[in-house]
Structures are given as structure tokens and as C-alpha cells.
């Protein structure tokens, strides 16, 4: 047990915490970094570390009890008499029932509290971004700037070198609050930026929202965290947290490319099927 914990801790210490390379982001390893990449990560880090601490304590207690039983109740030499056979032990069984319920209840309370804080959109956002997941890429609508980016599938087969630079890139201004609205165009996807320690499911016909304020510039990895079909592994993107000047320049570049307005639900697979059924295509 001690050797296992040592190996895991050593592996965690080898985690790459540098966001400087495109698409790399943060590898949180055994325990997440204490760096607050966003204004919402501190409570998630506390929840994660608290859960690990509780799990290790429970594991140690179980091992101590198991070893104590093995040693205290082992068969002695020349002891051929069976020990007393009990069919039940009410106090022990009550403890086995009450303690797990309390543990699950405590974990539920802290998890619900952290999730509620992450999903709280009652504040005033500086920027609104709408994200669509689709097989097998992403659409980013920068609603506050009235421009959009529409991604296409990028195959990694034979294109491993430099592939990160060709990925869809979501631009976010540092130290500004972003309200995300996430949707799906076809099947279930999941919008995940590992460095932000949070992901949101994208369900067809359902809208999910959350707010976050990036606090450290860099290029981080993003990906779909829900198996969504044959090319799910290629559904990755970059997240560029940049200064306001760089962000505005990117918005202007999209505007000059003719990507004004937004790509809405009319590009959804369900909508197109309905239109085809109505004979409008």
C-alpha cells in the first residue's frame, strides 16, 4: 500500500504544468495544480483534494482492520476448535450502513456546492460565447462581437506533425468573465477544457450554461469528453487565453473573413431532417 502511494505521488510530481505549447494545457495528475487558472477552480481543487484525502483515510482504515482481523483471529497451533459462529451482529451492521450513508452525504453536499458555484451565471459577463459540438468539430459563436468560427473535421492520420496548429482555436480574453452557452448539433458531446477542471455535457435539444474568468494567459487543450462516434478522438481544439488586444485582433480577422453573425440551430442535424421531411429541401 505504501509503495503504491509512493509510485502514484512520484507520477504526479512528473506532471507537466506548462501551458506554453499549443494544445498541451495542464496535466493535473494525481492531485490538481494549486495554480488558479480561473476564478472558479479553487473550490474544485479543494473538492478534489478533500475527496482524495477522505479516500486515502478510508483505505488505510480498511487495510488496518483487515490486517488486524488476519493477525488477531488467525488459527493458532494445536487450536482445532471452530470459533463462535454468528449469523449477524446488529450494532456492526448498523455501523456498516450508517457510516457509508454519512460519507456519501458529505461528498454530495460538497460536490453540489462546488457544481452550483461553477454553474452560477447570475453575475454580469463581459463576453458571451455560444459553443456547438458536432461530428466531428466545433462551432464558436462570439455573440458579444457578432462573429463566428466554424470548424471542420481534421484528420490526424498522416498529419501528426504540426496538427495542433491546424485545430479549431477558441479565443478568450484574460481576466474577463465569459458566459458559455453549450449546445449540440447532432449527438451527445461534452465540452471539456482540462486546465479549467470542468466539463459540461452537450445534449441535443438542451442548453447548458456556465461562467468562468480565465486568469492566466496561455494555450490550453480542449476536447470532447463523450464518445460521440467514429472520429471522437479527433474532436479536439485549442483554447487561447490572450490579452484584450490580441482577442480584438482575432475578432476583426473573423469579421474580415466574412464570418459575421452566428451559426445557429438551423445547422443542426435534427433541424435539417425536419426540413427535409417538410419538403423544404
Protein backbone atom coordinates (compact mmCIF):
# COMPACT_ATOMS: atom_id res chain seq x y z
CA UNK A 1 0.00 0.00 0.00
CA UNK A 2 2.77 2.44 0.95
CA UNK A 3 4.76 1.54 -2.18
CA UNK A 4 1.69 2.10 -4.35
CA UNK A 5 1.05 5.55 -2.86
CA UNK A 6 4.71 6.45 -3.35
CA UNK A 7 4.59 5.47 -7.04
CA UNK A 8 1.40 7.46 -7.59
CA UNK A 9 2.81 10.51 -5.82
CA UNK A 10 6.00 10.28 -7.90
CA UNK A 11 3.97 10.10 -11.10
CA UNK A 12 2.04 13.16 -10.01
CA UNK A 13 5.25 15.05 -9.43
CA UNK A 14 6.23 14.43 -13.06
CA UNK A 15 3.14 16.20 -14.39
CA UNK A 16 3.65 18.91 -17.00
CA UNK A 17 2.26 22.21 -15.72
CA UNK A 18 3.45 24.34 -18.62
CA UNK A 19 0.74 25.83 -20.88
CA UNK A 20 3.25 27.26 -23.35
CA UNK A 21 2.99 24.55 -26.01
CA UNK A 22 -0.09 24.55 -28.27
CA UNK A 23 -2.72 22.07 -27.18
CA UNK A 24 -0.81 20.82 -24.15
CA UNK A 25 -2.62 22.56 -21.32
CA UNK A 26 -2.21 21.20 -17.79
CA UNK A 27 -1.85 17.58 -16.81
CA UNK A 28 -3.40 17.56 -13.34
CA UNK A 29 -2.12 14.08 -12.50
CA UNK A 30 -2.82 12.59 -9.04
CA UNK A 31 -3.68 15.97 -7.48
CA UNK A 32 -4.52 19.12 -9.46
CA UNK A 33 -2.20 22.07 -9.58
CA UNK A 34 -2.73 24.71 -6.92
CA UNK A 35 -2.48 27.36 -9.63
CA UNK A 36 -5.84 29.03 -10.09
CA UNK A 37 -6.22 29.03 -13.86
CA UNK A 38 -9.70 30.55 -13.49
CA UNK A 39 -11.73 32.23 -10.77
CA UNK A 40 -13.75 29.03 -10.32
CA UNK A 41 -11.01 26.42 -9.94
CA UNK A 42 -10.19 26.94 -6.26
CA UNK A 43 -13.35 25.23 -4.99
CA UNK A 44 -12.85 22.39 -7.47
CA UNK A 45 -9.27 21.89 -6.29
CA UNK A 46 -10.46 21.86 -2.67
CA UNK A 47 -13.17 19.32 -3.53
CA UNK A 48 -10.73 17.08 -5.40
CA UNK A 49 -8.05 17.18 -2.71
CA UNK A 50 -10.62 16.67 0.05
CA UNK A 51 -12.09 13.66 -1.76
CA UNK A 52 -8.63 12.13 -2.22
CA UNK A 53 -7.77 12.70 1.45
CA UNK A 54 -11.02 11.05 2.57
CA UNK A 55 -10.49 8.13 0.17
CA UNK A 56 -6.95 7.54 1.43
CA UNK A 57 -8.11 7.66 5.07
CA UNK A 58 -10.90 5.17 4.38
CA UNK A 59 -8.48 2.93 2.50
CA UNK A 60 -5.98 2.99 5.36
CA UNK A 61 -8.71 2.22 7.89
CA UNK A 62 -9.93 -0.74 5.84
CA UNK A 63 -6.42 -2.13 5.49
CA UNK A 64 -5.76 -1.74 9.22
CA UNK A 65 -9.00 -3.57 10.05
CA UNK A 66 -8.26 -6.33 7.54
CA UNK A 67 -4.73 -6.87 8.85
CA UNK A 68 -5.94 -6.75 12.46
CA UNK A 69 -8.51 -9.47 11.73
CA UNK A 70 -5.92 -11.59 9.92
CA UNK A 71 -3.50 -11.34 12.85
CA UNK A 72 -5.88 -11.39 15.82
CA UNK A 73 -8.11 -14.19 14.56
CA UNK A 74 -5.58 -16.39 12.79
CA UNK A 75 -5.57 -20.08 13.54
CA UNK A 76 -3.18 -20.96 16.35
CA UNK A 77 -1.09 -24.10 16.56
CA UNK A 78 -2.99 -27.04 18.00
CA UNK A 79 -6.21 -24.98 18.01
CA UNK A 80 -8.67 -27.18 16.13
CA UNK A 81 -11.85 -25.73 17.60
CA UNK A 82 -14.06 -23.60 15.41
CA UNK A 83 -14.66 -20.04 16.65
CA UNK A 84 -18.13 -18.93 17.64
CA UNK A 85 -20.30 -18.72 14.51
CA UNK A 86 -22.51 -15.61 14.30
CA UNK A 87 -25.21 -15.15 11.69
CA UNK A 88 -25.48 -11.44 12.32
CA UNK A 89 -24.21 -8.65 14.53
CA UNK A 90 -26.75 -5.85 14.72
CA UNK A 91 -24.54 -3.00 16.04
CA UNK A 92 -21.84 -3.79 13.48
CA UNK A 93 -24.33 -3.97 10.61
CA UNK A 94 -25.90 -0.66 11.69
CA UNK A 95 -22.44 0.91 11.65
CA UNK A 96 -21.73 -0.55 8.19
CA UNK A 97 -24.95 1.09 6.97
CA UNK A 98 -24.82 4.47 8.73
CA UNK A 99 -21.15 5.31 8.08
CA UNK A 100 -21.30 4.92 4.24
CA UNK A 101 -24.54 6.95 4.15
CA UNK A 102 -22.86 9.76 6.07
CA UNK A 103 -19.80 9.62 3.81
CA UNK A 104 -21.87 9.76 0.62
CA UNK A 105 -24.00 12.56 2.09
CA UNK A 106 -20.95 14.68 2.94
CA UNK A 107 -19.45 14.13 -0.52
CA UNK A 108 -22.81 15.01 -2.11
CA UNK A 109 -23.06 18.29 -0.19
CA UNK A 110 -19.57 19.47 -1.12
CA UNK A 111 -19.91 18.30 -4.75
CA UNK A 112 -23.27 20.04 -5.14
CA UNK A 113 -21.89 23.24 -3.64
CA UNK A 114 -18.87 23.31 -5.97
CA UNK A 115 -21.01 22.50 -9.02
CA UNK A 116 -23.57 25.17 -8.14
CA UNK A 117 -20.82 27.80 -7.88
CA UNK A 118 -19.42 26.74 -11.25
CA UNK A 119 -22.85 26.89 -12.92
CA UNK A 120 -23.80 30.22 -11.35
CA UNK A 121 -24.44 32.69 -14.18
CA UNK A 122 -26.10 35.38 -12.06
CA UNK A 123 -23.11 37.70 -12.46
CA UNK A 124 -22.59 40.13 -15.30
CA UNK A 125 -20.48 38.58 -18.05
CA UNK A 126 -18.05 40.61 -20.15
CA UNK A 127 -18.33 38.27 -23.13
CA UNK A 128 -20.93 35.73 -24.28
CA UNK A 129 -19.80 32.75 -26.33
CA UNK A 130 -22.02 30.02 -27.78
CA UNK A 131 -20.36 26.67 -28.45
CA UNK A 132 -21.82 23.93 -30.64
CA UNK A 133 -20.41 20.41 -30.65
CA UNK A 134 -20.84 18.48 -33.88
CA UNK A 135 -19.50 15.36 -35.54
CA UNK A 136 -16.55 15.94 -35.52
CA UNK A 137 -15.58 19.51 -34.79
CA UNK A 138 -16.77 22.72 -33.13
CA UNK A 139 -18.59 25.95 -33.90
CA UNK A 140 -17.79 29.02 -31.78
CA UNK A 141 -20.24 31.94 -31.88
CA UNK A 142 -18.75 35.06 -30.31
CA UNK A 143 -22.13 36.59 -29.59
CA UNK A 144 -20.80 39.77 -27.98
CA UNK A 145 -18.69 40.51 -31.08
CA UNK A 146 -21.21 39.21 -33.66
CA UNK A 147 -18.71 36.89 -35.36
CA UNK A 148 -18.27 33.14 -35.53
CA UNK A 149 -15.80 30.36 -36.25
CA UNK A 150 -16.95 27.12 -37.88
CA UNK A 151 -14.63 24.13 -37.67
CA UNK A 152 -14.28 21.11 -39.93
CA UNK A 153 -13.01 17.65 -39.15
CA UNK A 154 -9.22 17.49 -39.07
CA UNK A 155 -7.79 14.03 -39.57
CA UNK A 156 -4.64 13.14 -37.64
CA UNK A 157 -3.84 10.22 -39.95
CA UNK A 158 -0.59 11.13 -41.70
CA UNK A 159 -0.80 14.62 -40.19
CA UNK A 160 0.70 14.13 -36.77
CA UNK A 161 3.43 16.78 -37.18
CA UNK A 162 2.08 20.27 -36.63
CA UNK A 163 -1.50 19.05 -36.27
CA UNK A 164 -2.08 21.19 -33.17
CA UNK A 165 -1.66 24.40 -35.17
CA UNK A 166 -4.49 23.41 -37.52
CA UNK A 167 -7.01 22.69 -34.76
CA UNK A 168 -10.02 24.95 -34.07
CA UNK A 169 -8.99 27.63 -31.58
CA UNK A 170 -11.29 29.23 -29.04
CA UNK A 171 -10.07 32.70 -28.06
CA UNK A 172 -10.71 34.05 -24.55
CA UNK A 173 -9.56 37.40 -23.12
CA UNK A 174 -7.64 37.07 -19.89
CA UNK A 175 -9.22 38.41 -16.67
CA UNK A 176 -12.63 38.87 -18.29
CA UNK A 177 -15.73 36.89 -17.36
CA UNK A 178 -17.01 34.65 -20.15
CA UNK A 179 -20.51 33.17 -20.16
CA UNK A 180 -20.58 29.94 -22.15
CA UNK A 181 -23.73 28.53 -23.72
CA UNK A 182 -23.10 24.98 -24.94
CA UNK A 183 -25.27 23.00 -27.36
CA UNK A 184 -25.08 20.00 -29.67
CA UNK A 185 -25.86 19.81 -33.37
CA UNK A 186 -26.37 16.05 -33.54
CA UNK A 187 -25.42 13.55 -30.78
CA UNK A 188 -24.25 13.87 -27.17
CA UNK A 189 -20.90 15.65 -26.83
CA UNK A 190 -19.06 17.10 -23.82
CA UNK A 191 -17.20 20.43 -23.76
CA UNK A 192 -14.03 19.98 -21.70
CA UNK A 193 -11.06 22.24 -21.01
CA UNK A 194 -8.91 20.12 -18.64
CA UNK A 195 -6.90 23.10 -17.36
CA UNK A 196 -10.14 24.68 -16.12
CA UNK A 197 -11.00 21.47 -14.20
CA UNK A 198 -14.55 21.47 -15.54
CA UNK A 199 -16.59 19.97 -18.35
CA UNK A 200 -20.18 20.36 -19.49
CA UNK A 201 -22.32 17.87 -21.39
CA UNK A 202 -23.82 18.98 -24.69
CA UNK A 203 -27.22 17.33 -25.14
CA UNK A 204 -29.30 17.55 -28.34
CA UNK A 205 -32.23 19.88 -27.70
CA UNK A 206 -30.85 21.09 -24.37
CA UNK A 207 -28.94 24.25 -23.43
CA UNK A 208 -26.31 24.35 -20.65
CA UNK A 209 -24.53 27.45 -19.39
CA UNK A 210 -21.64 28.34 -17.09
CA UNK A 211 -19.34 31.28 -16.39
CA UNK A 212 -15.61 31.42 -15.94
CA UNK A 213 -12.88 34.06 -15.80
CA UNK A 214 -9.52 32.86 -17.21
CA UNK A 215 -6.69 34.25 -15.10
CA UNK A 216 -3.51 33.11 -16.86
CA UNK A 217 -2.53 33.60 -20.47
CA UNK A 218 -1.50 30.57 -22.48
CA UNK A 219 -2.66 27.97 -24.96
CA UNK A 220 -4.53 25.05 -23.45
CA UNK A 221 -6.06 21.87 -24.79
CA UNK A 222 -9.77 21.26 -25.18
CA UNK A 223 -11.59 18.13 -26.20
CA UNK A 224 -14.87 16.26 -26.37
CA UNK A 225 -15.23 14.09 -23.26
CA UNK A 226 -18.16 11.99 -24.52
CA UNK A 227 -17.80 9.12 -27.01
CA UNK A 228 -19.67 10.59 -29.97
CA UNK A 229 -18.85 8.36 -32.91
CA UNK A 230 -16.10 7.01 -35.13
CA UNK A 231 -13.85 10.09 -35.08
CA UNK A 232 -14.43 11.15 -31.48
CA UNK A 233 -10.68 11.14 -30.80
CA UNK A 234 -10.16 13.85 -33.43
CA UNK A 235 -12.67 16.21 -31.81
CA UNK A 236 -10.09 18.37 -30.07
CA UNK A 237 -9.41 22.09 -30.05
CA UNK A 238 -7.09 24.74 -28.64
CA UNK A 239 -8.03 27.39 -26.09
CA UNK A 240 -6.03 30.60 -26.40
CA UNK A 241 -6.25 32.84 -23.33
CA UNK A 242 -4.86 36.14 -24.62
CA UNK A 243 -4.76 39.84 -23.82
CA UNK A 244 -7.62 42.07 -24.97
CA UNK A 245 -5.66 43.48 -27.93
CA UNK A 246 -4.94 40.01 -29.33
CA UNK A 247 -8.55 38.97 -28.76
CA UNK A 248 -9.90 42.01 -30.61
CA UNK A 249 -7.49 41.36 -33.49
CA UNK A 250 -8.82 37.81 -33.82
CA UNK A 251 -12.41 39.06 -33.81
CA UNK A 252 -11.51 41.53 -36.54
CA UNK A 253 -9.86 38.79 -38.57
CA UNK A 254 -13.06 36.72 -38.44
CA UNK A 255 -15.08 39.80 -39.41
CA UNK A 256 -12.85 40.49 -42.40
CA UNK A 257 -13.18 36.85 -43.46
CA UNK A 258 -16.96 37.35 -43.68
CA UNK A 259 -17.77 35.34 -40.57
CA UNK A 260 -20.26 37.85 -39.23
CA UNK A 261 -23.37 36.90 -37.27
CA UNK A 262 -23.63 33.39 -35.86
CA UNK A 263 -24.28 29.82 -36.96
CA UNK A 264 -27.39 28.81 -35.05
CA UNK A 265 -29.74 25.87 -34.68
CA UNK A 266 -30.57 25.94 -38.40
CA UNK A 267 -27.36 23.95 -38.94
CA UNK A 268 -28.43 21.20 -36.55
CA UNK A 269 -28.94 17.73 -37.94
CA UNK A 270 -32.42 17.48 -36.40
CA UNK A 271 -33.46 20.77 -37.98
CA UNK A 272 -32.26 19.65 -41.42
CA UNK A 273 -34.10 16.35 -41.09
CA UNK A 274 -37.29 18.19 -40.19
CA UNK A 275 -36.86 20.50 -43.17
CA UNK A 276 -36.33 17.52 -45.44
CA UNK A 277 -39.46 15.86 -44.03
CA UNK A 278 -41.45 19.02 -44.73
CA UNK A 279 -40.24 19.02 -48.33
CA UNK A 280 -38.32 22.30 -47.95
CA UNK A 281 -35.05 20.96 -49.29
